[in-house]
């Protein structure tokens, strides 16, 4: 099976980035604690924009990603951050590290 990579680019409502990042970090902790098939989950902020956040996630396979998307803490994260996000771009790729 091939690992799945998500690149998530988020535009955050002005003056809410710190709040969003704090909540995203909590979500990251939940994912890494509860999903052994999530190999990586990074939260980062570009140094050239004020209202952007980037997530980099690696899942063992599509089943692991599907499981992640259906968890109660994913639903809570989306609800908690919904009014903080003004734009979203998600790219999915197949990891080619071998």
Protein backbone atom coordinates (compact mmCIF):
# COMPACT_ATOMS: atom_id res chain seq x y z
CA UNK A 1 0.00 0.00 0.00
CA UNK A 2 1.13 3.52 -0.70
CA UNK A 3 1.30 6.27 1.88
CA UNK A 4 -0.99 9.25 1.32
CA UNK A 5 0.25 12.81 1.80
CA UNK A 6 -2.02 15.80 2.37
CA UNK A 7 -0.82 19.35 1.84
CA UNK A 8 -3.40 21.68 3.38
CA UNK A 9 -3.08 25.41 2.78
CA UNK A 10 -5.39 27.50 4.94
CA UNK A 11 -6.14 31.19 4.86
CA UNK A 12 -7.14 32.36 8.31
CA UNK A 13 -9.43 35.26 9.21
CA UNK A 14 -7.28 38.28 10.19
CA UNK A 15 -6.26 38.35 13.85
CA UNK A 16 -7.28 34.71 14.44
CA UNK A 17 -4.12 32.90 13.35
CA UNK A 18 -2.73 32.39 16.86
CA UNK A 19 -6.08 31.00 18.03
CA UNK A 20 -6.26 28.73 15.00
CA UNK A 21 -2.69 27.46 15.45
CA UNK A 22 -3.36 26.65 19.10
CA UNK A 23 -6.43 24.60 18.14
CA UNK A 24 -4.59 22.93 15.23
CA UNK A 25 -1.81 21.89 17.61
CA UNK A 26 -4.40 20.30 19.94
CA UNK A 27 -5.83 18.46 16.95
CA UNK A 28 -2.35 17.31 15.94
CA UNK A 29 -1.81 15.86 19.43
CA UNK A 30 -5.13 13.97 19.23
CA UNK A 31 -4.27 12.57 15.81
CA UNK A 32 -0.76 11.42 16.71
CA UNK A 33 -1.96 9.92 20.02
CA UNK A 34 -4.94 8.05 18.58
CA UNK A 35 -4.02 7.18 14.99
CA UNK A 36 -1.02 4.86 14.70
CA UNK A 37 -1.34 4.98 10.90
CA UNK A 38 -0.75 8.74 10.83
CA UNK A 39 3.00 8.89 10.28
CA UNK A 40 3.37 12.66 10.37
CA UNK A 41 1.28 15.73 11.14
CA UNK A 42 2.98 19.12 10.99
CA UNK A 43 1.49 22.55 11.64
CA UNK A 44 3.46 25.45 10.19
CA UNK A 45 3.10 29.14 9.40
CA UNK A 46 4.77 30.74 6.38
CA UNK A 47 7.10 33.59 7.25
CA UNK A 48 5.91 35.70 4.31
CA UNK A 49 2.18 35.93 5.11
CA UNK A 50 0.25 36.92 8.21
CA UNK A 51 -2.91 34.88 7.82
CA UNK A 52 -1.78 31.53 6.44
CA UNK A 53 -1.28 28.14 8.03
CA UNK A 54 0.02 25.00 6.36
CA UNK A 55 -0.60 21.41 7.42
CA UNK A 56 1.47 18.47 6.19
CA UNK A 57 -0.01 15.07 6.97
CA UNK A 58 1.15 11.56 6.05
CA UNK A 59 -1.12 8.51 6.40
CA UNK A 60 -0.13 4.87 5.88
CA UNK A 61 -2.81 4.38 3.22
CA UNK A 62 -6.23 5.54 2.05
CA UNK A 63 -7.96 3.53 4.78
CA UNK A 64 -5.97 5.42 7.43
CA UNK A 65 -6.94 8.75 5.86
CA UNK A 66 -10.59 7.68 5.67
CA UNK A 67 -10.46 6.69 9.35
CA UNK A 68 -8.92 10.06 10.24
CA UNK A 69 -11.64 11.98 8.39
CA UNK A 70 -14.36 10.11 10.30
CA UNK A 71 -13.08 10.59 13.84
CA UNK A 72 -15.08 12.59 16.40
CA UNK A 73 -12.09 14.83 17.12
CA UNK A 74 -11.82 15.69 13.41
CA UNK A 75 -15.46 16.76 13.45
CA UNK A 76 -14.84 18.81 16.62
CA UNK A 77 -11.75 20.44 15.08
CA UNK A 78 -13.70 21.44 11.97
CA UNK A 79 -16.53 22.85 14.05
CA UNK A 80 -14.18 24.74 16.37
CA UNK A 81 -12.17 26.29 13.53
CA UNK A 82 -14.85 26.75 10.88
CA UNK A 83 -15.31 30.46 11.47
CA UNK A 84 -11.53 31.02 11.58
CA UNK A 85 -10.87 29.73 8.05
CA UNK A 86 -11.56 31.99 5.08
CA UNK A 87 -10.02 29.74 2.40
CA UNK A 88 -8.71 26.22 1.97
CA UNK A 89 -6.70 24.38 -0.66
CA UNK A 90 -6.01 20.66 -0.20
CA UNK A 91 -3.63 18.68 -2.37
CA UNK A 92 -3.31 14.91 -2.08
CA UNK A 93 -0.28 12.94 -3.24
CA UNK A 94 1.19 9.45 -3.10
CA UNK A 95 4.46 9.29 -1.18
CA UNK A 96 7.34 8.10 -3.37
CA UNK A 97 10.10 7.53 -0.81
CA UNK A 98 10.22 3.83 -1.56
